[in-house]
Amino acid sequence: VSMIGITTFLFSLVGVKIGNIFGLKYKTKAEFVGGVIL
């Protein structure tokens, strides 16, 4: 759970910045990759 929490913390931190810079371009790709991995 520590690894999951830290990983999500870092991805979320970066996600806010990416969203602010690039917008919705990566949202769909992130969900797709996450789904395939699971």
PDB file of all heavy atoms in Angstrom:
ATOM      1  N   VAL A   1       0.834  -1.210   0.000  1.00  0.00           N
ATOM      2  CA  VAL A   1       0.000   0.000   0.000  1.00  0.00           C
ATOM      3  C   VAL A   1       0.864   1.253   0.000  1.00  0.00           C
ATOM      4  O   VAL A   1       0.474   2.285  -0.556  1.00  0.00           O
ATOM      5  CB  VAL A   1      -1.035   0.027   1.149  1.00  0.00           C
ATOM      6  CG1 VAL A   1      -2.004  -1.130   1.028  1.00  0.00           C
ATOM      7  CG2 VAL A   1      -0.386   0.058   2.515  1.00  0.00           C
ATOM      8  N   SER A   2       2.047   1.169   0.600  1.00  0.00           N
ATOM      9  CA  SER A   2       2.963   2.314   0.564  1.00  0.00           C
ATOM     10  C   SER A   2       3.407   2.614  -0.863  1.00  0.00           C
ATOM     11  O   SER A   2       3.424   3.770  -1.297  1.00  0.00           O
ATOM     12  CB  SER A   2       4.193   2.049   1.448  1.00  0.00           C
ATOM     13  OG  SER A   2       3.812   1.881   2.787  1.00  0.00           O
ATOM     14  N   MET A   3       3.760   1.552  -1.596  1.00  0.00           N
ATOM     15  CA  MET A   3       4.191   1.750  -2.979  1.00  0.00           C
ATOM     16  C   MET A   3       3.049   2.311  -3.831  1.00  0.00           C
ATOM     17  O   MET A   3       3.251   3.207  -4.645  1.00  0.00           O
ATOM     18  CB  MET A   3       4.722   0.455  -3.587  1.00  0.00           C
ATOM     19  CG  MET A   3       5.254   0.659  -5.008  1.00  0.00           C
ATOM     20  SD  MET A   3       5.971  -0.821  -5.732  1.00  0.00           S
ATOM     21  CE  MET A   3       7.469  -0.973  -4.780  1.00  0.00           C
ATOM     22  N   ILE A   4       1.838   1.797  -3.637  1.00  0.00           N
ATOM     23  CA  ILE A   4       0.686   2.286  -4.391  1.00  0.00           C
ATOM     24  C   ILE A   4       0.429   3.753  -4.057  1.00  0.00           C
ATOM     25  O   ILE A   4       0.214   4.577  -4.955  1.00  0.00           O
ATOM     26  CB  ILE A   4      -0.560   1.416  -4.105  1.00  0.00           C
ATOM     27  CG1 ILE A   4      -0.384   0.025  -4.710  1.00  0.00           C
ATOM     28  CG2 ILE A   4      -1.824   2.085  -4.656  1.00  0.00           C
ATOM     29  CD1 ILE A   4      -1.415  -0.989  -4.244  1.00  0.00           C
ATOM     30  N   GLY A   5       0.458   4.096  -2.776  1.00  0.00           N
ATOM     31  CA  GLY A   5       0.212   5.474  -2.365  1.00  0.00           C
ATOM     32  C   GLY A   5       1.259   6.442  -2.888  1.00  0.00           C
ATOM     33  O   GLY A   5       0.934   7.513  -3.408  1.00  0.00           O
ATOM     34  N   ILE A   6       2.525   6.073  -2.771  1.00  0.00           N
ATOM     35  CA  ILE A   6       3.613   6.948  -3.239  1.00  0.00           C
ATOM     36  C   ILE A   6       3.569   7.106  -4.754  1.00  0.00           C
ATOM     37  O   ILE A   6       3.728   8.208  -5.277  1.00  0.00           O
ATOM     38  CB  ILE A   6       4.981   6.417  -2.761  1.00  0.00           C
ATOM     39  CG1 ILE A   6       5.102   6.577  -1.242  1.00  0.00           C
ATOM     40  CG2 ILE A   6       6.129   7.119  -3.475  1.00  0.00           C
ATOM     41  CD1 ILE A   6       6.257   5.806  -0.622  1.00  0.00           C
ATOM     42  N   THR A   7       3.348   6.018  -5.455  1.00  0.00           N
ATOM     43  CA  THR A   7       3.268   6.076  -6.920  1.00  0.00           C
ATOM     44  C   THR A   7       2.124   6.980  -7.356  1.00  0.00           C
ATOM     45  O   THR A   7       2.287   7.837  -8.230  1.00  0.00           O
ATOM     46  CB  THR A   7       3.085   4.660  -7.506  1.00  0.00           C
ATOM     47  OG1 THR A   7       4.182   3.849  -7.096  1.00  0.00           O
ATOM     48  CG2 THR A   7       3.006   4.691  -9.027  1.00  0.00           C
ATOM     49  N   THR A   8       0.966   6.813  -6.730  1.00  0.00           N
ATOM     50  CA  THR A   8      -0.191   7.647  -7.081  1.00  0.00           C
ATOM     51  C   THR A   8       0.059   9.098  -6.713  1.00  0.00           C
ATOM     52  O   THR A   8      -0.310   9.999  -7.467  1.00  0.00           O
ATOM     53  CB  THR A   8      -1.462   7.117  -6.395  1.00  0.00           C
ATOM     54  OG1 THR A   8      -1.655   5.756  -6.761  1.00  0.00           O
ATOM     55  CG2 THR A   8      -2.679   7.929  -6.802  1.00  0.00           C
ATOM     56  N   PHE A   9       0.690   9.339  -5.573  1.00  0.00           N
ATOM     57  CA  PHE A   9       1.035  10.704  -5.175  1.00  0.00           C
ATOM     58  C   PHE A   9       1.872  11.367  -6.269  1.00  0.00           C
ATOM     59  O   PHE A   9       1.568  12.485  -6.710  1.00  0.00           O
ATOM     60  CB  PHE A   9       1.804  10.702  -3.849  1.00  0.00           C
ATOM     61  CG  PHE A   9       2.315  12.057  -3.447  1.00  0.00           C
ATOM     62  CD1 PHE A   9       1.490  12.943  -2.770  1.00  0.00           C
ATOM     63  CD2 PHE A   9       3.603  12.451  -3.752  1.00  0.00           C
ATOM     64  CE1 PHE A   9       1.948  14.203  -2.405  1.00  0.00           C
ATOM     65  CE2 PHE A   9       4.074  13.704  -3.398  1.00  0.00           C
ATOM     66  CZ  PHE A   9       3.245  14.581  -2.720  1.00  0.00           C
ATOM     67  N   LEU A  10       2.910  10.678  -6.721  1.00  0.00           N
ATOM     68  CA  LEU A  10       3.807  11.253  -7.727  1.00  0.00           C
ATOM     69  C   LEU A  10       3.101  11.469  -9.068  1.00  0.00           C
ATOM     70  O   LEU A  10       3.261  12.516  -9.707  1.00  0.00           O
ATOM     71  CB  LEU A  10       5.049  10.370  -7.888  1.00  0.00           C
ATOM     72  CG  LEU A  10       5.955  10.288  -6.660  1.00  0.00           C
ATOM     73  CD1 LEU A  10       7.048   9.239  -6.861  1.00  0.00           C
ATOM     74  CD2 LEU A  10       6.556  11.654  -6.340  1.00  0.00           C
ATOM     75  N   PHE A  11       2.327  10.466  -9.506  1.00  0.00           N
ATOM     76  CA  PHE A  11       1.605  10.612 -10.774  1.00  0.00           C
ATOM     77  C   PHE A  11       0.584  11.744 -10.702  1.00  0.00           C
ATOM     78  O   PHE A  11       0.397  12.478 -11.668  1.00  0.00           O
ATOM     79  CB  PHE A  11       0.924   9.294 -11.163  1.00  0.00           C
ATOM     80  CG  PHE A  11       1.784   8.406 -12.009  1.00  0.00           C
ATOM     81  CD1 PHE A  11       2.653   7.490 -11.418  1.00  0.00           C
ATOM     82  CD2 PHE A  11       1.749   8.471 -13.387  1.00  0.00           C
ATOM     83  CE1 PHE A  11       3.459   6.672 -12.179  1.00  0.00           C
ATOM     84  CE2 PHE A  11       2.550   7.656 -14.172  1.00  0.00           C
ATOM     85  CZ  PHE A  11       3.415   6.753 -13.561  1.00  0.00           C
ATOM     86  N   SER A  12      -0.073  11.896  -9.567  1.00  0.00           N
ATOM     87  CA  SER A  12      -1.071  12.961  -9.411  1.00  0.00           C
ATOM     88  C   SER A  12      -0.403  14.325  -9.389  1.00  0.00           C
ATOM     89  O   SER A  12      -0.907  15.286  -9.995  1.00  0.00           O
ATOM     90  CB  SER A  12      -1.873  12.751  -8.119  1.00  0.00           C
ATOM     91  OG  SER A  12      -2.536  11.518  -8.158  1.00  0.00           O
ATOM     92  N   LEU A  13       0.709  14.414  -8.702  1.00  0.00           N
ATOM     93  CA  LEU A  13       1.479  15.657  -8.647  1.00  0.00           C
ATOM     94  C   LEU A  13       1.835  16.110 -10.057  1.00  0.00           C
ATOM     95  O   LEU A  13       1.574  17.243 -10.446  1.00  0.00           O
ATOM     96  CB  LEU A  13       2.744  15.400  -7.814  1.00  0.00           C
ATOM     97  CG  LEU A  13       3.554  16.581  -7.373  1.00  0.00           C
ATOM     98  CD1 LEU A  13       3.155  16.922  -5.942  1.00  0.00           C
ATOM     99  CD2 LEU A  13       5.029  16.227  -7.398  1.00  0.00           C
ATOM    100  N   VAL A  14       2.386  15.186 -10.828  1.00  0.00           N
ATOM    101  CA  VAL A  14       2.783  15.482 -12.206  1.00  0.00           C
ATOM    102  C   VAL A  14       1.554  15.713 -13.083  1.00  0.00           C
ATOM    103  O   VAL A  14       1.568  16.563 -13.972  1.00  0.00           O
ATOM    104  CB  VAL A  14       3.662  14.334 -12.762  1.00  0.00           C
ATOM    105  CG1 VAL A  14       3.929  14.487 -14.243  1.00  0.00           C
ATOM    106  CG2 VAL A  14       4.976  14.256 -11.987  1.00  0.00           C
ATOM    107  N   GLY A  15       0.475  14.976 -12.824  1.00  0.00           N
ATOM    108  CA  GLY A  15      -0.745  15.098 -13.627  1.00  0.00           C
ATOM    109  C   GLY A  15      -1.334  16.494 -13.592  1.00  0.00           C
ATOM    110  O   GLY A  15      -1.784  17.009 -14.619  1.00  0.00           O
ATOM    111  N   VAL A  16      -1.338  17.113 -12.426  1.00  0.00           N
ATOM    112  CA  VAL A  16      -1.862  18.485 -12.318  1.00  0.00           C
ATOM    113  C   VAL A  16      -1.053  19.418 -13.217  1.00  0.00           C
ATOM    114  O   VAL A  16      -1.611  20.233 -13.952  1.00  0.00           O
ATOM    115  CB  VAL A  16      -1.852  18.978 -10.851  1.00  0.00           C
ATOM    116  CG1 VAL A  16      -2.191  20.465 -10.774  1.00  0.00           C
ATOM    117  CG2 VAL A  16      -2.835  18.171 -10.015  1.00  0.00           C
ATOM    118  N   LYS A  17       0.261  19.277 -13.181  1.00  0.00           N
ATOM    119  CA  LYS A  17       1.130  20.142 -13.996  1.00  0.00           C
ATOM    120  C   LYS A  17       0.936  19.868 -15.486  1.00  0.00           C
ATOM    121  O   LYS A  17       0.826  20.793 -16.292  1.00  0.00           O
ATOM    122  CB  LYS A  17       2.598  19.947 -13.587  1.00  0.00           C
ATOM    123  CG  LYS A  17       3.524  20.940 -14.210  1.00  0.00           C
ATOM    124  CD  LYS A  17       3.240  22.332 -13.710  1.00  0.00           C
ATOM    125  CE  LYS A  17       4.266  23.321 -14.221  1.00  0.00           C
ATOM    126  NZ  LYS A  17       3.975  24.684 -13.813  1.00  0.00           N
ATOM    127  N   ILE A  18       0.892  18.605 -15.850  1.00  0.00           N
ATOM    128  CA  ILE A  18       0.688  18.243 -17.261  1.00  0.00           C
ATOM    129  C   ILE A  18      -0.651  18.770 -17.751  1.00  0.00           C
ATOM    130  O   ILE A  18      -0.745  19.320 -18.849  1.00  0.00           O
ATOM    131  CB  ILE A  18       0.780  16.713 -17.455  1.00  0.00           C
ATOM    132  CG1 ILE A  18       2.227  16.260 -17.309  1.00  0.00           C
ATOM    133  CG2 ILE A  18       0.222  16.286 -18.813  1.00  0.00           C
ATOM    134  CD1 ILE A  18       2.417  14.759 -17.327  1.00  0.00           C
ATOM    135  N   GLY A  19      -1.698  18.603 -16.943  1.00  0.00           N
ATOM    136  CA  GLY A  19      -3.015  19.107 -17.326  1.00  0.00           C
ATOM    137  C   GLY A  19      -3.007  20.607 -17.509  1.00  0.00           C
ATOM    138  O   GLY A  19      -3.635  21.132 -18.426  1.00  0.00           O
ATOM    139  N   ASN A  20      -2.286  21.285 -16.656  1.00  0.00           N
ATOM    140  CA  ASN A  20      -2.204  22.737 -16.749  1.00  0.00           C
ATOM    141  C   ASN A  20      -1.464  23.171 -18.008  1.00  0.00           C
ATOM    142  O   ASN A  20      -1.799  24.187 -18.609  1.00  0.00           O
ATOM    143  CB  ASN A  20      -1.517  23.296 -15.498  1.00  0.00           C
ATOM    144  CG  ASN A  20      -1.686  24.782 -15.349  1.00  0.00           C
ATOM    145  OD1 ASN A  20      -0.728  25.531 -15.398  1.00  0.00           O
ATOM    146  ND2 ASN A  20      -2.937  25.208 -15.182  1.00  0.00           N
ATOM    147  N   ILE A  21      -0.499  22.379 -18.423  1.00  0.00           N
ATOM    148  CA  ILE A  21       0.297  22.727 -19.609  1.00  0.00           C
ATOM    149  C   ILE A  21      -0.333  22.200 -20.900  1.00  0.00           C
ATOM    150  O   ILE A  21      -0.483  22.921 -21.878  1.00  0.00           O
ATOM    151  CB  ILE A  21       1.736  22.188 -19.469  1.00  0.00           C
ATOM    152  CG1 ILE A  21       2.443  22.885 -18.312  1.00  0.00           C
ATOM    153  CG2 ILE A  21       2.521  22.370 -20.762  1.00  0.00           C
ATOM    154  CD1 ILE A  21       3.785  22.277 -17.944  1.00  0.00           C
ATOM    155  N   PHE A  22      -0.708  20.924 -20.908  1.00  0.00           N
ATOM    156  CA  PHE A  22      -1.113  20.272 -22.152  1.00  0.00           C
ATOM    157  C   PHE A  22      -2.605  20.007 -22.295  1.00  0.00           C
ATOM    158  O   PHE A  22      -3.068  19.652 -23.371  1.00  0.00           O
ATOM    159  CB  PHE A  22      -0.384  18.932 -22.320  1.00  0.00           C
ATOM    160  CG  PHE A  22       1.094  19.070 -22.421  1.00  0.00           C
ATOM    161  CD1 PHE A  22       1.902  18.683 -21.375  1.00  0.00           C
ATOM    162  CD2 PHE A  22       1.680  19.587 -23.561  1.00  0.00           C
ATOM    163  CE1 PHE A  22       3.277  18.804 -21.448  1.00  0.00           C
ATOM    164  CE2 PHE A  22       3.054  19.710 -23.649  1.00  0.00           C
ATOM    165  CZ  PHE A  22       3.853  19.326 -22.595  1.00  0.00           C
ATOM    166  N   GLY A  23      -3.363  20.070 -21.226  1.00  0.00           N
ATOM    167  CA  GLY A  23      -4.798  19.828 -21.332  1.00  0.00           C
ATOM    168  C   GLY A  23      -5.151  18.357 -21.379  1.00  0.00           C
ATOM    169  O   GLY A  23      -4.477  17.515 -20.810  1.00  0.00           O
ATOM    170  N   LEU A  24      -6.224  18.025 -22.062  1.00  0.00           N
ATOM    171  CA  LEU A  24      -6.804  16.675 -22.057  1.00  0.00           C
ATOM    172  C   LEU A  24      -6.088  15.667 -22.954  1.00  0.00           C
ATOM    173  O   LEU A  24      -6.494  14.516 -23.032  1.00  0.00           O
ATOM    174  CB  LEU A  24      -8.274  16.750 -22.484  1.00  0.00           C
ATOM    175  CG  LEU A  24      -9.201  17.474 -21.522  1.00  0.00           C
ATOM    176  CD1 LEU A  24     -10.592  17.621 -22.129  1.00  0.00           C
ATOM    177  CD2 LEU A  24      -9.276  16.757 -20.199  1.00  0.00           C
ATOM    178  N   LYS A  25      -5.024  16.090 -23.608  1.00  0.00           N
ATOM    179  CA  LYS A  25      -4.339  15.232 -24.582  1.00  0.00           C
ATOM    180  C   LYS A  25      -3.937  13.867 -24.012  1.00  0.00           C
ATOM    181  O   LYS A  25      -4.042  12.853 -24.684  1.00  0.00           O
ATOM    182  CB  LYS A  25      -3.109  15.965 -25.108  1.00  0.00           C
ATOM    183  CG  LYS A  25      -2.338  15.219 -26.155  1.00  0.00           C
ATOM    184  CD  LYS A  25      -1.178  16.061 -26.658  1.00  0.00           C
ATOM    185  CE  LYS A  25      -0.404  15.303 -27.705  1.00  0.00           C
ATOM    186  NZ  LYS A  25       0.746  16.058 -28.178  1.00  0.00           N
ATOM    187  N   TYR A  26      -3.482  13.817 -22.749  1.00  0.00           N
ATOM    188  CA  TYR A  26      -2.958  12.574 -22.190  1.00  0.00           C
ATOM    189  C   TYR A  26      -3.941  11.820 -21.306  1.00  0.00           C
ATOM    190  O   TYR A  26      -3.660  10.702 -20.888  1.00  0.00           O
ATOM    191  CB  TYR A  26      -1.677  12.859 -21.394  1.00  0.00           C
ATOM    192  CG  TYR A  26      -0.580  13.388 -22.282  1.00  0.00           C
ATOM    193  CD1 TYR A  26      -0.225  14.727 -22.245  1.00  0.00           C
ATOM    194  CD2 TYR A  26       0.084  12.556 -23.170  1.00  0.00           C
ATOM    195  CE1 TYR A  26       0.772  15.219 -23.069  1.00  0.00           C
ATOM    196  CE2 TYR A  26       1.073  13.035 -23.998  1.00  0.00           C
ATOM    197  CZ  TYR A  26       1.413  14.364 -23.937  1.00  0.00           C
ATOM    198  OH  TYR A  26       2.388  14.842 -24.756  1.00  0.00           O
ATOM    199  N   LYS A  27      -5.099  12.393 -21.009  1.00  0.00           N
ATOM    200  CA  LYS A  27      -6.058  11.764 -20.108  1.00  0.00           C
ATOM    201  C   LYS A  27      -6.502  10.400 -20.631  1.00  0.00           C
ATOM    202  O   LYS A  27      -6.450   9.398 -19.931  1.00  0.00           O
ATOM    203  CB  LYS A  27      -7.270  12.670 -19.904  1.00  0.00           C
ATOM    204  CG  LYS A  27      -8.350  12.053 -19.038  1.00  0.00           C
ATOM    205  CD  LYS A  27      -9.562  12.953 -18.989  1.00  0.00           C
ATOM    206  CE  LYS A  27     -10.680  12.332 -18.213  1.00  0.00           C
ATOM    207  NZ  LYS A  27     -11.318  11.208 -18.858  1.00  0.00           N
ATOM    208  N   THR A  28      -6.927  10.341 -21.864  1.00  0.00           N
ATOM    209  CA  THR A  28      -7.423   9.101 -22.452  1.00  0.00           C
ATOM    210  C   THR A  28      -6.321   8.055 -22.536  1.00  0.00           C
ATOM    211  O   THR A  28      -6.543   6.885 -22.237  1.00  0.00           O
ATOM    212  CB  THR A  28      -8.008   9.382 -23.844  1.00  0.00           C
ATOM    213  OG1 THR A  28      -9.073  10.315 -23.691  1.00  0.00           O
ATOM    214  CG2 THR A  28      -8.533   8.127 -24.500  1.00  0.00           C
ATOM    215  N   LYS A  29      -5.127   8.472 -22.911  1.00  0.00           N
ATOM    216  CA  LYS A  29      -4.010   7.527 -23.017  1.00  0.00           C
ATOM    217  C   LYS A  29      -3.659   6.944 -21.659  1.00  0.00           C
ATOM    218  O   LYS A  29      -3.359   5.759 -21.544  1.00  0.00           O
ATOM    219  CB  LYS A  29      -2.797   8.225 -23.636  1.00  0.00           C
ATOM    220  CG  LYS A  29      -2.999   8.568 -25.096  1.00  0.00           C
ATOM    221  CD  LYS A  29      -1.831   9.323 -25.666  1.00  0.00           C
ATOM    222  CE  LYS A  29      -2.168   9.702 -27.105  1.00  0.00           C
ATOM    223  NZ  LYS A  29      -1.338  10.743 -27.628  1.00  0.00           N
ATOM    224  N   ALA A  30      -3.699   7.761 -20.613  1.00  0.00           N
ATOM    225  CA  ALA A  30      -3.394   7.281 -19.263  1.00  0.00           C
ATOM    226  C   ALA A  30      -4.410   6.235 -18.820  1.00  0.00           C
ATOM    227  O   ALA A  30      -4.039   5.188 -18.277  1.00  0.00           O
ATOM    228  CB  ALA A  30      -3.369   8.454 -18.279  1.00  0.00           C
ATOM    229  N   GLU A  31      -5.696   6.489 -19.033  1.00  0.00           N
ATOM    230  CA  GLU A  31      -6.725   5.519 -18.651  1.00  0.00           C
ATOM    231  C   GLU A  31      -6.571   4.229 -19.447  1.00  0.00           C
ATOM    232  O   GLU A  31      -6.722   3.142 -18.909  1.00  0.00           O
ATOM    233  CB  GLU A  31      -8.120   6.102 -18.870  1.00  0.00           C
ATOM    234  CG  GLU A  31      -8.510   7.116 -17.842  1.00  0.00           C
ATOM    235  CD  GLU A  31      -9.906   7.671 -18.048  1.00  0.00           C
ATOM    236  OE1 GLU A  31     -10.400   7.697 -19.184  1.00  0.00           O
ATOM    237  OE2 GLU A  31     -10.499   8.088 -17.040  1.00  0.00           O
ATOM    238  N   PHE A  32      -6.254   4.325 -20.724  1.00  0.00           N
ATOM    239  CA  PHE A  32      -6.093   3.156 -21.580  1.00  0.00           C
ATOM    240  C   PHE A  32      -4.935   2.287 -21.096  1.00  0.00           C
ATOM    241  O   PHE A  32      -5.072   1.081 -20.919  1.00  0.00           O
ATOM    242  CB  PHE A  32      -5.881   3.587 -23.035  1.00  0.00           C
ATOM    243  CG  PHE A  32      -5.831   2.433 -23.995  1.00  0.00           C
ATOM    244  CD1 PHE A  32      -6.994   1.883 -24.493  1.00  0.00           C
ATOM    245  CD2 PHE A  32      -4.617   1.876 -24.372  1.00  0.00           C
ATOM    246  CE1 PHE A  32      -6.961   0.812 -25.367  1.00  0.00           C
ATOM    247  CE2 PHE A  32      -4.564   0.807 -25.246  1.00  0.00           C
ATOM    248  CZ  PHE A  32      -5.739   0.271 -25.745  1.00  0.00           C
ATOM    249  N   VAL A  33      -3.780   2.909 -20.862  1.00  0.00           N
ATOM    250  CA  VAL A  33      -2.602   2.177 -20.395  1.00  0.00           C
ATOM    251  C   VAL A  33      -2.887   1.526 -19.050  1.00  0.00           C
ATOM    252  O   VAL A  33      -2.552   0.361 -18.826  1.00  0.00           O
ATOM    253  CB  VAL A  33      -1.370   3.117 -20.315  1.00  0.00           C
ATOM    254  CG1 VAL A  33      -0.220   2.466 -19.565  1.00  0.00           C
ATOM    255  CG2 VAL A  33      -0.929   3.515 -21.713  1.00  0.00           C
ATOM    256  N   GLY A  34      -3.518   2.257 -18.139  1.00  0.00           N
ATOM    257  CA  GLY A  34      -3.856   1.698 -16.830  1.00  0.00           C
ATOM    258  C   GLY A  34      -4.760   0.482 -16.945  1.00  0.00           C
ATOM    259  O   GLY A  34      -4.558  -0.527 -16.259  1.00  0.00           O
ATOM    260  N   GLY A  35      -5.755   0.549 -17.818  1.00  0.00           N
ATOM    261  CA  GLY A  35      -6.661  -0.576 -18.025  1.00  0.00           C
ATOM    262  C   GLY A  35      -5.955  -1.807 -18.554  1.00  0.00           C
ATOM    263  O   GLY A  35      -6.172  -2.930 -18.071  1.00  0.00           O
ATOM    264  N   VAL A  36      -5.095  -1.613 -19.541  1.00  0.00           N
ATOM    265  CA  VAL A  36      -4.341  -2.733 -20.117  1.00  0.00           C
ATOM    266  C   VAL A  36      -3.447  -3.377 -19.054  1.00  0.00           C
ATOM    267  O   VAL A  36      -3.380  -4.605 -18.937  1.00  0.00           O
ATOM    268  CB  VAL A  36      -3.515  -2.264 -21.338  1.00  0.00           C
ATOM    269  CG1 VAL A  36      -2.526  -3.335 -21.779  1.00  0.00           C
ATOM    270  CG2 VAL A  36      -4.438  -1.892 -22.493  1.00  0.00           C
ATOM    271  N   ILE A  37      -2.770  -2.553 -18.266  1.00  0.00           N
ATOM    272  CA  ILE A  37      -1.882  -3.075 -17.220  1.00  0.00           C
ATOM    273  C   ILE A  37      -2.662  -3.934 -16.239  1.00  0.00           C
ATOM    274  O   ILE A  37      -2.240  -5.050 -15.897  1.00  0.00           O
ATOM    275  CB  ILE A  37      -1.162  -1.917 -16.493  1.00  0.00           C
ATOM    276  CG1 ILE A  37      -0.087  -1.310 -17.400  1.00  0.00           C
ATOM    277  CG2 ILE A  37      -0.536  -2.408 -15.178  1.00  0.00           C
ATOM    278  CD1 ILE A  37       0.538  -0.032 -16.854  1.00  0.00           C
ATOM    279  N   LEU A  38      -3.810  -3.460 -15.774  1.00  0.00           N
ATOM    280  CA  LEU A  38      -4.586  -4.227 -14.794  1.00  0.00           C
ATOM    281  C   LEU A  38      -5.091  -5.544 -15.374  1.00  0.00           C
ATOM    282  O   LEU A  38      -5.058  -6.579 -14.699  1.00  0.00           O
ATOM    283  CB  LEU A  38      -5.744  -3.390 -14.260  1.00  0.00           C
ATOM    284  CG  LEU A  38      -5.345  -2.181 -13.411  1.00  0.00           C
ATOM    285  CD1 LEU A  38      -6.582  -1.421 -12.965  1.00  0.00           C
ATOM    286  CD2 LEU A  38      -4.515  -2.594 -12.215  1.00  0.00           C
TER     287      LEU A  38
END
